[in-house]
Amino acid sequence: MTRRNRSQIARQRRQRTTRQVLWVVGGVVGAVLAVSFFFSEMGLLKYLTMRDHAKQLEREIQAIERGNTELRTEIGRLQQDPARIEEVARERLGFVRKGETVYQVVEEQSK
C-alpha cells in the first residue's frame, strides 16, 4: 500500500466517524426537541389544555351575557311596567291594597 492509499482510508474513516457523530448528535437534539414540543411549559399538551379552558370560559361568558340581558329586561320592566312593580311589591315586600285582607298560613312545627 502506498502512503496515498493509507491517507485516503484514514480520511474515509474520519468522515464516517464524523457522520456517525453528527447523526447521533442530530438524533439527541431531535429527541430533546420532540420531548420539549410535547411536554414543555408551552408544549402541545399545555396548548390543548389551554384551548379547552378558553372554550369553557367562552361558554361561561355567553351564559353570563344571557343573564345580563335577562336582568336588563327585568330592570326595564321594573322601571316602566306598573303591573310588574305591583307584583314585586306584593311578593317581596308584602304590600296589600286598601280593603284587602291578608291571610298568612303558618306551618305547624314538628315536636
Protein backbone atom coordinates (compact mmCIF):
# COMPACT_ATOMS: atom_id res chain seq x y z
CA MET A 1 0.00 0.00 0.00
CA THR A 2 1.15 3.39 -0.75
CA ARG A 3 1.08 6.35 1.51
CA ARG A 4 -1.64 7.93 -0.59
CA ASN A 5 -3.96 4.93 -0.11
CA ARG A 6 -3.41 4.92 3.65
CA SER A 7 -4.25 8.61 3.93
CA GLN A 8 -7.41 8.11 1.85
CA ILE A 9 -8.50 5.24 4.07
CA ALA A 10 -7.82 7.33 7.19
CA ARG A 11 -9.76 10.26 5.71
CA GLN A 12 -12.69 8.00 4.87
CA ARG A 13 -12.70 6.62 8.40
CA ARG A 14 -12.69 10.15 9.83
CA GLN A 15 -15.55 11.12 7.53
CA ARG A 16 -17.57 8.06 8.57
CA THR A 17 -16.87 8.75 12.24
CA THR A 18 -17.81 12.40 11.77
CA ARG A 19 -21.05 11.41 10.02
CA GLN A 20 -21.89 8.95 12.78
CA VAL A 21 -21.24 11.55 15.45
CA LEU A 22 -23.38 14.08 13.57
CA TRP A 23 -26.21 11.55 13.27
CA VAL A 24 -26.04 10.78 16.99
CA VAL A 25 -25.93 14.47 17.92
CA GLY A 26 -28.78 15.19 15.50
CA GLY A 27 -30.81 12.34 16.96
CA VAL A 28 -30.24 13.57 20.51
CA VAL A 29 -31.16 17.15 19.54
CA GLY A 30 -34.23 15.86 17.68
CA ALA A 31 -35.32 13.79 20.67
CA VAL A 32 -34.89 16.75 23.01
CA LEU A 33 -36.90 18.97 20.65
CA ALA A 34 -39.64 16.34 20.33
CA VAL A 35 -39.94 15.94 24.11
CA SER A 36 -39.90 19.72 24.51
CA PHE A 37 -42.60 20.09 21.82
CA PHE A 38 -44.98 17.83 23.70
CA PHE A 39 -44.14 18.20 27.39
CA SER A 40 -42.55 21.61 27.99
CA GLU A 41 -44.27 24.50 29.76
CA MET A 42 -45.63 25.77 26.43
CA GLY A 43 -45.80 22.39 24.70
CA LEU A 44 -48.60 20.78 22.77
CA LEU A 45 -50.29 19.24 25.81
CA LYS A 46 -50.34 22.59 27.60
CA TYR A 47 -51.72 24.22 24.44
CA LEU A 48 -54.56 21.71 24.19
CA THR A 49 -55.41 22.19 27.87
CA MET A 50 -55.41 25.97 27.48
CA ARG A 51 -57.60 25.74 24.34
CA ASP A 52 -60.18 23.64 26.20
CA HIS A 53 -60.10 26.09 29.11
CA ALA A 54 -60.62 29.02 26.71
CA LYS A 55 -63.68 27.28 25.19
CA GLN A 56 -65.10 26.71 28.67
CA LEU A 57 -64.56 30.38 29.54
CA GLU A 58 -66.28 31.44 26.32
CA ARG A 59 -69.32 29.32 27.25
CA GLU A 60 -69.36 30.90 30.72
CA ILE A 61 -69.16 34.38 29.18
CA GLN A 62 -72.10 33.61 26.91
CA ALA A 63 -74.15 32.36 29.86
CA ILE A 64 -73.33 35.49 31.87
CA GLU A 65 -74.23 37.71 28.90
CA ARG A 66 -77.61 35.94 28.63
CA GLY A 67 -78.13 36.52 32.35
CA ASN A 68 -77.22 40.19 31.94
CA THR A 69 -79.75 40.54 29.11
CA GLU A 70 -82.46 39.00 31.28
CA LEU A 71 -81.57 41.33 34.16
CA ARG A 72 -81.65 44.38 31.87
CA THR A 73 -85.11 43.31 30.69
CA GLU A 74 -86.25 42.91 34.29
CA ILE A 75 -84.84 46.35 35.19
CA GLY A 76 -86.74 47.90 32.29
CA ARG A 77 -89.97 46.22 33.40
CA LEU A 78 -89.46 47.34 37.00
CA GLN A 79 -88.89 50.92 35.87
CA GLN A 80 -91.82 51.15 33.45
CA ASP A 81 -94.40 48.37 33.95
CA PRO A 82 -96.85 49.16 36.78
CA ALA A 83 -98.17 45.60 36.84
CA ARG A 84 -94.67 44.21 37.40
CA ILE A 85 -93.97 46.80 40.10
CA GLU A 86 -97.16 45.80 41.91
CA GLU A 87 -96.34 42.12 41.56
CA VAL A 88 -92.89 42.58 43.09
CA ALA A 89 -94.25 44.79 45.87
CA ARG A 90 -96.79 42.12 46.79
CA GLU A 91 -94.38 39.16 46.58
CA ARG A 92 -91.25 40.57 48.12
CA LEU A 93 -92.46 43.37 50.35
CA GLY A 94 -95.83 42.00 51.43
CA PHE A 95 -97.78 45.08 50.31
CA VAL A 96 -101.60 44.89 50.06
CA ARG A 97 -104.25 47.17 48.59
CA LYS A 98 -106.73 49.04 50.72
CA GLY A 99 -109.61 46.85 51.68
CA GLU A 100 -107.76 43.56 51.10
CA THR A 101 -107.44 41.06 53.88
CA VAL A 102 -104.24 39.05 54.07
CA TYR A 103 -104.26 35.53 55.43
CA GLN A 104 -100.92 34.02 56.32
CA VAL A 105 -100.63 30.26 56.60
CA VAL A 106 -98.15 29.16 59.21
CA GLU A 107 -96.99 25.56 59.15
CA GLU A 108 -97.03 23.72 62.43
CA GLN A 109 -93.58 22.92 63.70
CA SER A 110 -92.99 19.28 64.50
CA LYS A 111 -92.05 18.48 68.06
